[in-house]
Every structure is written in C-alpha cells, then in structure tokens.
Amino acid sequence: MPSLNSTYTIYLYTGVPCIKCHYTCSTCSSNSSCLTCNITLQRVFDSNNTFCVCSAGFFDNAIESCFTCSYTCATCSINSTNCLTCPNTRQLNGNTCPCSNGYYDGGSATCLACHYSCFTCTNSSACLTCNSTYFRTMSNQTCACVSGYYDIGVQTCSKCETTCGSCNGPNSNNCLSCTSLNNR
C-alpha cells in the first residue's frame, strides 16, 4: 500500500482514519499545525506560522471564514464593533473608536475634519464644543473669538491691541470698539 502521509485539504491522513485540520487551516500537517491558509477567507499565518488568523480588519468567529470589522475599527475581536485598534483620526476609548477631537464621523474609517474653530463637531460647519484655551466661545454652533480677540483663520484667536475693546483684523489694531480706559 502506498504511503499517504501527505497533506490534504481539511483532513490529514495519518495511517488511521483522517484527522480534521484546525478550522483555520486550508491544509495541515497535524490538527495543531497549518501548512496553508485560505486567503480568500481572509486567513493569514500567525506570528508562529502555526495557525491561520484573520487578516487586519477581520475577526474570528470560530468558523473557517473571517468576518469584517466595523469601519470604525482597524482590528477587532469577538464581534465587529469590539475594537482592539483604531484607524487614523480615531482614538481607542474602551472598545470603541470614536473620532478624535477636531474630527467627525462621516461614515468611513477616516474621520472628516471639523471647521478649524471647532474642538468637536457634528459636521464640517456645526460645532459641538469650543476649546477655551484657543480664546473661543460657543455661539450658534460656531466657535467665535472671545471679546478682545479676532479670528485669523487658524484655531487660536489673536489678541487685539490693548486700545481695542474688539477688533476684526486683518491687523490687531483694526478696532470695532475701543476700551473705556482709552476714552475713545
């Protein structure tokens, strides 16, 4: 009888009834050592080249095929929304990946930028919160500069000249109102 100690997909012949390969393997040399992985099922070798794990962006549900992680996760486990790592512009918070400050969720892995004046937002022009360290305050879903500062098109407002109560630029001495100290 010819030797059948070679590998076969799914089952391994060992001279006795065939032994089922580990569910992650495409072919195996034992039930605990994969020889090949099925990349069409999103399987790749682990770091020890023993088992076939799910590719990044997929999770293992204890069957041959891997399942897709939520777009909010770079990697996940157990289910599609249990994030282990996050895509750029998102930050891990427990097991979720909300958008980082200054970005909003537009329905894809990469969050979209808020208006430069917003600390957090719901879309590109509607601020939820403002960063007071940038001398901004909330006003009708926008982050306006506080009194005595003016907007120059970047996050941080610039200070008006001391003679101005308020100003609008492009220079710090373009006063809209004067301070009462200057009797102007």
C-alpha atoms as a PDB file:
ATOM      1  CA  MET A   1       0.000   0.000   0.000  1.00  0.00           C
ATOM      2  CA  PRO A   2       1.478   3.424  -0.936  1.00  0.00           C
ATOM      3  CA  SER A   3       2.241   5.888   1.842  1.00  0.00           C
ATOM      4  CA  LEU A   4      -0.410   8.531   2.321  1.00  0.00           C
ATOM      5  CA  ASN A   5       1.497  10.725   4.814  1.00  0.00           C
ATOM      6  CA  SER A   6       0.972  13.799   2.629  1.00  0.00           C
ATOM      7  CA  THR A   7      -1.486  16.570   3.419  1.00  0.00           C
ATOM      8  CA  TYR A   8      -4.982  17.052   2.084  1.00  0.00           C
ATOM      9  CA  THR A   9      -7.335  19.946   2.374  1.00  0.00           C
ATOM     10  CA  ILE A  10      -9.422  19.829   5.555  1.00  0.00           C
ATOM     11  CA  TYR A  11      -8.288  16.321   6.638  1.00  0.00           C
ATOM     12  CA  LEU A  12      -4.894  14.747   7.348  1.00  0.00           C
ATOM     13  CA  TYR A  13      -4.182  11.065   6.708  1.00  0.00           C
ATOM     14  CA  THR A  14      -2.008   9.529   9.440  1.00  0.00           C
ATOM     15  CA  GLY A  15      -2.403   5.835   8.684  1.00  0.00           C
ATOM     16  CA  VAL A  16      -5.610   5.768  10.694  1.00  0.00           C
ATOM     17  CA  PRO A  17      -8.862   7.466   9.890  1.00  0.00           C
ATOM     18  CA  CYS A  18      -8.254  11.025   8.728  1.00  0.00           C
ATOM     19  CA  ILE A  19      -7.927  13.757  11.367  1.00  0.00           C
ATOM     20  CA  LYS A  20      -9.726  17.024  10.760  1.00  0.00           C
ATOM     21  CA  CYS A  21      -7.435  20.052  10.408  1.00  0.00           C
ATOM     22  CA  HIS A  22      -7.931  23.012  12.728  1.00  0.00           C
ATOM     23  CA  TYR A  23     -10.794  25.131  11.336  1.00  0.00           C
ATOM     24  CA  THR A  24      -8.379  27.956  10.491  1.00  0.00           C
ATOM     25  CA  CYS A  25      -6.202  25.780   8.184  1.00  0.00           C
ATOM     26  CA  SER A  26      -6.596  25.211   4.481  1.00  0.00           C
ATOM     27  CA  THR A  27      -4.135  22.279   4.693  1.00  0.00           C
ATOM     28  CA  CYS A  28      -2.269  20.921   7.710  1.00  0.00           C
ATOM     29  CA  SER A  29       0.465  18.565   8.911  1.00  0.00           C
ATOM     30  CA  SER A  30      -1.381  17.864  12.190  1.00  0.00           C
ATOM     31  CA  ASN A  31      -4.573  19.085  13.795  1.00  0.00           C
ATOM     32  CA  SER A  32      -2.498  21.770  15.544  1.00  0.00           C
ATOM     33  CA  SER A  33      -0.258  22.939  12.684  1.00  0.00           C
ATOM     34  CA  CYS A  34      -1.393  24.587   9.458  1.00  0.00           C
ATOM     35  CA  LEU A  35       0.584  24.282   6.226  1.00  0.00           C
ATOM     36  CA  THR A  36      -1.508  26.736   4.200  1.00  0.00           C
ATOM     37  CA  CYS A  37      -4.142  29.378   4.864  1.00  0.00           C
ATOM     38  CA  ASN A  38      -7.106  30.311   2.682  1.00  0.00           C
ATOM     39  CA  ILE A  39      -6.587  33.997   1.844  1.00  0.00           C
ATOM     40  CA  THR A  40      -9.980  34.183   0.133  1.00  0.00           C
ATOM     41  CA  LEU A  41     -11.444  33.592   3.617  1.00  0.00           C
ATOM     42  CA  GLN A  42      -9.181  36.401   4.948  1.00  0.00           C
ATOM     43  CA  ARG A  43      -6.833  33.939   6.702  1.00  0.00           C
ATOM     44  CA  VAL A  44      -3.058  34.517   7.103  1.00  0.00           C
ATOM     45  CA  PHE A  45      -0.383  32.773   9.187  1.00  0.00           C
ATOM     46  CA  ASP A  46       0.054  33.839  12.795  1.00  0.00           C
ATOM     47  CA  SER A  47       3.482  35.012  14.044  1.00  0.00           C
ATOM     48  CA  ASN A  48       4.498  31.395  14.821  1.00  0.00           C
ATOM     49  CA  ASN A  49       3.337  30.092  11.411  1.00  0.00           C
ATOM     50  CA  THR A  50       1.204  27.516  13.237  1.00  0.00           C
ATOM     51  CA  PHE A  51      -2.376  28.670  12.752  1.00  0.00           C
ATOM     52  CA  CYS A  52      -4.173  30.875  10.282  1.00  0.00           C
ATOM     53  CA  VAL A  53      -5.505  34.034  11.918  1.00  0.00           C
ATOM     54  CA  CYS A  54      -7.832  36.636  10.453  1.00  0.00           C
ATOM     55  CA  SER A  55      -6.307  39.490   8.446  1.00  0.00           C
ATOM     56  CA  ALA A  56      -6.372  43.017   9.898  1.00  0.00           C
ATOM     57  CA  GLY A  57      -9.892  44.422   9.671  1.00  0.00           C
ATOM     58  CA  PHE A  58     -11.489  40.988  10.191  1.00  0.00           C
ATOM     59  CA  PHE A  59     -12.356  38.911  13.269  1.00  0.00           C
ATOM     60  CA  ASP A  60     -12.560  35.194  14.052  1.00  0.00           C
ATOM     61  CA  ASN A  61     -15.986  33.796  14.872  1.00  0.00           C
ATOM     62  CA  ALA A  62     -14.778  30.172  15.335  1.00  0.00           C
ATOM     63  CA  ILE A  63     -15.616  29.140  11.766  1.00  0.00           C
ATOM     64  CA  GLU A  64     -13.466  28.955   8.623  1.00  0.00           C
ATOM     65  CA  SER A  65     -14.401  32.364   7.214  1.00  0.00           C
ATOM     66  CA  CYS A  66     -13.413  35.625   8.925  1.00  0.00           C
ATOM     67  CA  PHE A  67     -15.934  38.438   9.390  1.00  0.00           C
ATOM     68  CA  THR A  68     -15.414  42.128   8.616  1.00  0.00           C
ATOM     69  CA  CYS A  69     -14.814  44.581  11.475  1.00  0.00           C
ATOM     70  CA  SER A  70     -16.857  47.772  11.657  1.00  0.00           C
ATOM     71  CA  TYR A  71     -15.400  50.661   9.637  1.00  0.00           C
ATOM     72  CA  THR A  72     -14.657  52.357  12.962  1.00  0.00           C
ATOM     73  CA  CYS A  73     -12.154  49.599  13.950  1.00  0.00           C
ATOM     74  CA  ALA A  74      -8.739  48.870  12.412  1.00  0.00           C
ATOM     75  CA  THR A  75      -8.796  45.488  14.193  1.00  0.00           C
ATOM     76  CA  CYS A  76     -11.494  43.844  16.311  1.00  0.00           C
ATOM     77  CA  SER A  77     -12.321  40.630  18.175  1.00  0.00           C
ATOM     78  CA  ILE A  78     -15.422  38.765  19.350  1.00  0.00           C
ATOM     79  CA  ASN A  79     -17.709  40.934  17.171  1.00  0.00           C
ATOM     80  CA  SER A  80     -17.461  43.652  14.515  1.00  0.00           C
ATOM     81  CA  THR A  81     -17.716  46.576  16.950  1.00  0.00           C
ATOM     82  CA  ASN A  82     -15.368  45.346  19.711  1.00  0.00           C
ATOM     83  CA  CYS A  83     -12.337  47.354  18.567  1.00  0.00           C
ATOM     84  CA  LEU A  84      -8.753  46.468  19.530  1.00  0.00           C
ATOM     85  CA  THR A  85      -7.100  49.221  17.464  1.00  0.00           C
ATOM     86  CA  CYS A  86      -8.376  52.238  15.545  1.00  0.00           C
ATOM     87  CA  PRO A  87      -7.768  53.804  12.132  1.00  0.00           C
ATOM     88  CA  ASN A  88      -6.002  57.205  11.952  1.00  0.00           C
ATOM     89  CA  THR A  89      -8.151  60.134  13.177  1.00  0.00           C
ATOM     90  CA  ARG A  90      -9.864  57.800  15.673  1.00  0.00           C
ATOM     91  CA  GLN A  91      -8.810  57.000  19.241  1.00  0.00           C
ATOM     92  CA  LEU A  92      -9.459  53.875  21.292  1.00  0.00           C
ATOM     93  CA  ASN A  93     -11.934  54.528  24.120  1.00  0.00           C
ATOM     94  CA  GLY A  94     -12.640  51.252  25.902  1.00  0.00           C
ATOM     95  CA  ASN A  95     -13.515  49.003  22.965  1.00  0.00           C
ATOM     96  CA  THR A  96     -14.833  51.689  20.599  1.00  0.00           C
ATOM     97  CA  CYS A  97     -13.085  54.090  18.236  1.00  0.00           C
ATOM     98  CA  PRO A  98     -14.798  57.478  18.214  1.00  0.00           C
ATOM     99  CA  CYS A  99     -13.340  60.276  16.110  1.00  0.00           C
ATOM    100  CA  SER A 100     -10.537  62.292  17.683  1.00  0.00           C
ATOM    101  CA  ASN A 101     -11.244  65.881  18.752  1.00  0.00           C
ATOM    102  CA  GLY A 102     -11.391  68.120  15.709  1.00  0.00           C
ATOM    103  CA  TYR A 103     -12.962  65.386  13.535  1.00  0.00           C
ATOM    104  CA  TYR A 104     -16.434  63.945  12.946  1.00  0.00           C
ATOM    105  CA  ASP A 105     -17.757  60.589  11.722  1.00  0.00           C
ATOM    106  CA  GLY A 106     -18.682  60.807   8.064  1.00  0.00           C
ATOM    107  CA  GLY A 107     -19.452  57.079   7.749  1.00  0.00           C
ATOM    108  CA  SER A 108     -15.981  55.815   6.788  1.00  0.00           C
ATOM    109  CA  ALA A 109     -12.818  54.666   8.594  1.00  0.00           C
ATOM    110  CA  THR A 110     -11.155  58.064   8.253  1.00  0.00           C
ATOM    111  CA  CYS A 111     -12.948  60.798  10.169  1.00  0.00           C
ATOM    112  CA  LEU A 112     -13.507  64.140   8.460  1.00  0.00           C
ATOM    113  CA  ALA A 113     -12.069  67.409   9.757  1.00  0.00           C
ATOM    114  CA  CYS A 114     -14.254  69.863  11.655  1.00  0.00           C
ATOM    115  CA  HIS A 115     -14.068  73.573  10.886  1.00  0.00           C
ATOM    116  CA  TYR A 116     -10.749  74.854  12.262  1.00  0.00           C
ATOM    117  CA  SER A 117     -12.508  76.774  15.046  1.00  0.00           C
ATOM    118  CA  CYS A 118     -14.366  73.725  16.482  1.00  0.00           C
ATOM    119  CA  PHE A 119     -12.993  71.483  19.213  1.00  0.00           C
ATOM    120  CA  THR A 120     -15.673  68.851  18.452  1.00  0.00           C
ATOM    121  CA  CYS A 121     -18.427  68.929  15.818  1.00  0.00           C
ATOM    122  CA  THR A 122     -21.295  67.059  14.174  1.00  0.00           C
ATOM    123  CA  ASN A 123     -20.284  68.047  10.620  1.00  0.00           C
ATOM    124  CA  SER A 124     -17.793  70.330   8.871  1.00  0.00           C
ATOM    125  CA  SER A 125     -19.543  73.510   9.977  1.00  0.00           C
ATOM    126  CA  ALA A 126     -21.587  72.726  13.136  1.00  0.00           C
ATOM    127  CA  CYS A 127     -19.504  72.893  16.316  1.00  0.00           C
ATOM    128  CA  LEU A 128     -20.495  70.939  19.432  1.00  0.00           C
ATOM    129  CA  THR A 129     -17.769  72.367  21.687  1.00  0.00           C
ATOM    130  CA  CYS A 130     -15.063  75.035  21.559  1.00  0.00           C
ATOM    131  CA  ASN A 131     -11.587  74.995  23.078  1.00  0.00           C
ATOM    132  CA  SER A 132     -11.353  77.916  25.519  1.00  0.00           C
ATOM    133  CA  THR A 133      -7.540  77.718  25.524  1.00  0.00           C
ATOM    134  CA  TYR A 134      -7.775  78.995  21.919  1.00  0.00           C
ATOM    135  CA  PHE A 135      -9.849  82.001  23.155  1.00  0.00           C
ATOM    136  CA  ARG A 136     -13.055  80.683  21.570  1.00  0.00           C
ATOM    137  CA  THR A 137     -16.630  80.505  22.852  1.00  0.00           C
ATOM    138  CA  MET A 138     -19.787  78.813  21.519  1.00  0.00           C
ATOM    139  CA  SER A 139     -22.186  80.990  19.524  1.00  0.00           C
ATOM    140  CA  ASN A 140     -24.924  79.410  17.338  1.00  0.00           C
ATOM    141  CA  GLN A 141     -22.974  76.178  16.613  1.00  0.00           C
ATOM    142  CA  THR A 142     -19.806  78.130  15.803  1.00  0.00           C
ATOM    143  CA  CYS A 143     -16.752  78.913  17.903  1.00  0.00           C
ATOM    144  CA  ALA A 144     -16.339  82.672  17.845  1.00  0.00           C
ATOM    145  CA  CYS A 145     -13.370  84.511  19.301  1.00  0.00           C
ATOM    146  CA  VAL A 146     -13.911  85.912  22.805  1.00  0.00           C
ATOM    147  CA  SER A 147     -14.032  89.681  23.308  1.00  0.00           C
ATOM    148  CA  GLY A 148     -10.624  91.273  22.792  1.00  0.00           C
ATOM    149  CA  TYR A 149      -9.543  88.634  20.238  1.00  0.00           C
ATOM    150  CA  TYR A 150     -10.101  88.196  16.495  1.00  0.00           C
ATOM    151  CA  ASP A 151     -10.150  85.317  14.017  1.00  0.00           C
ATOM    152  CA  ILE A 152      -7.197  84.997  11.630  1.00  0.00           C
ATOM    153  CA  GLY A 153      -8.274  81.672  10.060  1.00  0.00           C
ATOM    154  CA  VAL A 154      -6.489  79.290  12.445  1.00  0.00           C
ATOM    155  CA  GLN A 155      -7.500  77.508  15.682  1.00  0.00           C
ATOM    156  CA  THR A 156      -6.165  80.130  18.082  1.00  0.00           C
ATOM    157  CA  CYS A 157      -7.659  83.622  18.035  1.00  0.00           C
ATOM    158  CA  SER A 158      -5.235  86.557  18.034  1.00  0.00           C
ATOM    159  CA  LYS A 159      -5.282  89.266  20.671  1.00  0.00           C
ATOM    160  CA  CYS A 160      -6.492  92.746  19.716  1.00  0.00           C
ATOM    161  CA  GLU A 161      -4.336  95.769  20.563  1.00  0.00           C
ATOM    162  CA  THR A 162      -4.878  96.922  24.143  1.00  0.00           C
ATOM    163  CA  THR A 163      -6.616 100.094  22.865  1.00  0.00           C
ATOM    164  CA  CYS A 164      -9.339  97.968  21.180  1.00  0.00           C
ATOM    165  CA  GLY A 165     -12.309  96.540  23.038  1.00  0.00           C
ATOM    166  CA  SER A 166     -12.922  94.378  19.977  1.00  0.00           C
ATOM    167  CA  CYS A 167     -11.321  94.143  16.543  1.00  0.00           C
ATOM    168  CA  ASN A 168     -11.762  92.202  13.327  1.00  0.00           C
ATOM    169  CA  GLY A 169      -8.354  92.161  11.631  1.00  0.00           C
ATOM    170  CA  PRO A 170      -6.594  91.684   9.443  1.00  0.00           C
ATOM    171  CA  ASN A 171      -4.458  93.567  11.962  1.00  0.00           C
ATOM    172  CA  SER A 172      -4.758  93.668  15.735  1.00  0.00           C
ATOM    173  CA  ASN A 173      -5.340  97.458  15.637  1.00  0.00           C
ATOM    174  CA  ASN A 174      -8.430  97.306  13.344  1.00  0.00           C
ATOM    175  CA  CYS A 175     -10.753  98.250  16.215  1.00  0.00           C
ATOM    176  CA  LEU A 176     -14.515  97.740  16.108  1.00  0.00           C
ATOM    177  CA  SER A 177     -14.773  99.275  19.572  1.00  0.00           C
ATOM    178  CA  CYS A 178     -12.355 100.946  21.974  1.00  0.00           C
ATOM    179  CA  THR A 179     -11.644 100.162  25.591  1.00  0.00           C
ATOM    180  CA  SER A 180     -13.207 102.518  28.153  1.00  0.00           C
ATOM    181  CA  LEU A 181      -9.731 103.080  29.595  1.00  0.00           C
ATOM    182  CA  ASN A 182      -8.739 104.989  26.480  1.00  0.00           C
ATOM    183  CA  ASN A 183     -11.798 107.277  26.479  1.00  0.00           C
ATOM    184  CA  ARG A 184     -12.283 106.830  22.763  1.00  0.00           C
END
